[in-house]
């Protein structure tokens, strides 16, 4: 991600130089700036608050560039709103007085504008209205301002927060309370003469119960522990997983983090404990079983002196399950003088070719697996794909495949030195982790060359502005802050689009060429122009946004804010938050029923579904489902909602006409994602515990097939027109493509980094 930012900064500086002096021999007319668009087009804010405007430049040669920090900003009425031209805050408009002002971005003779309206705050509401906190824990309150023109604005960071009794619970400048002692306080948010209040009742944690108990898992398998607390007010089902202090008696056997997520490391038995001051520490035994065998890949590779080669270890376990063990195994080379192999945490299994010859590479974790590495002369190599075309602002991974003196072939991308004939058009990375990644900077062509040991190979990369193809899927890559684009016609990775940190959920509106990405790490939504493969705006929502869903007909986007316990409602015509709806604990996903004006929200922390009336933006019902609901999919035609329960083994089926539970279908451990194909009467559930996709017949509510996919499957999407199912495998960094007619995997798409969710253009 750092490399991408450096490239973008270099490109912006280059654009400035071209605009000012027309150097590098470029044609001034073909490189001319033709249009500037300002986003948002309109915004309503309260006096004394601010909103970030962004400027995007469109060039005659097809280039699209973020000009926010380059243009000159102005306000048509500084008595209403000012706008900053200071470094670090360019384009930030601040409301001063009542009325409307035009915010303009200008570069030379070209300008674009948006409108900011200042509306007074009529009332303040603090959400949630009441909370029960535990001594030693924190709670987030938010202040929502209702403006005179009917709009709403999150005022959490501009109001004055006050606790009626700081000795019981203090409140920070951002609405976060810290519970110190038992009692009840009023939490107030004040702006001028307006005040909104909420109630916080502080209780103590009396006891804790751990689940699961005495579990047996595989090395490399993840296991989520849950701590359920009994409180001094009589509540017996509070999820306190993130509040207790987790520990492993032997981290060499199993590790556990502060959120209770454990992972098997090596064979053996030990104890997991949860501690909290003032209560008895609770513990449970856990056994980690090793693999029955290990397979090392590639099995018989070749390498050239000075190059590196990554080996992978896969373990076979009871029941036919396989798991990746590369980072857990101990690696060795029989001939370190031919090739050394790393056991360092960041590079386990990475071999470095030292001299010509043959060595045996061994991976050990109880069982052993081997591969034979031959270091020999490289005869030639080729770069793939051949002569690609990509849009401005996107990235493309080139790969180098070498042919050795014995006619064997091997990918050598990370061993090649890369260069570009025209970095201003297309630059290429030599940084670790991104070698061979091309960044499209401006329209034109560039020759990308790879060199190793005196050999070279080249490809021509064409950069163009193209219309968005319809055969596309969009995958959030949490590990790289990217929205990854996949060609569903060829089942190939296409490019990455940089979005915000920690991207989770994604939704696509093909009719407007827009994708929406929930950035969990900074509480924003990235708005992406999928025709030009570029982020064009961000909208601030609640804390920890995860899932989201669109209602295109109503121009609404619904975002589940896991840490705020709310749903943000966005008007997608103006890209503004128009409502914030309190729901249950830790909301994670959203399903929309446009024809019934109903929104369904999974509440992971309270094991419920919140039913929202989208006309009034209020919760009208709450449905109890299985433990840890994480995803939901709606079949409006059949009045059915399907809910994946991650802490159990079930798929809950809800009758949306009566908001009642119909049945719980046993599908398998650790359900993560669910999608439905109404025409085929099928529901598809990803199972993180077994690395499979469960196929459910929704007419009989029975499982009819379990399809092995990759490691740690999460998001799933259906494309009925082509009879395809797409499964995102978070653990193996791939997407599995499934033929829904045969229930078989027909392709596996590599090249992703921590993929989480997927949206497909129908």
Foldseek 3Di string as FASTA:
>chain_A
DVVVVVLLVVLLVVLVVCLVPVPPPDDCQQFDFDAKEKPLQEEEDAAFDKDAIWIWTAGNQGAIHTCQLPWDKAKQDVCQWGADNDPPGRRIIHGHDADKIWIWTDDVPYIYIHMYGYFHFPAKAKPPQEDEAEAQDKAAIWIWTQTPVRFIDTCQQPWAKAKPDVCQWGADSRRMIHGHDADKIWIWTDDVPHIYIHMYGYWHWAEWDKPDAAEEEEAQFKDAMWIATQTPVGDGGFTCQLPWAKAWPDVCQKGADSNRIIGGQAFDKTKMWTDDPPYDIDIHIYGYDYAPAKAKPPAEEEAEAFAKDAIWIWGAHPPRFIHTCQLRWDKAKPCVQQWGADNDNVGRRMIHGHDADKIWMWTDRPHIYIHMYGYAAWDAKEKPDAAEEEEAQWKDAIWIWTQGPVRDIDIRQLRWDKAKPDVSQWGADNDPPGRRMIHGRGFDKIWMKTDDPHYMYIHIYGYHQAFFDQQWKWWQFQQPQWTWIARNVVRETDTTEHHAHRWAEKDDDVVQQWMWTQHQPQQKIFIANNSRRYTDDIEHDAHRWHAKDDDVVQQWIWIFHQSNQWIFIARNSSRYTRDIEHDAHRWAYWEDDNVQQWIWIQHQRPQWIFIARNVVRYTDDIEHHDHRWHEWEDDVVQQWIWTFHQQAQWIWIARNVVRYTDDTERFGHGWAEWYDDNVQQWMWTQHQRRQWIFIARNVVRYTDDIEHDAHRWHAKDDDVVQQWIWIQHQNQQWIFIARNVVRYTDDIYHDGHRIHYMDHSD
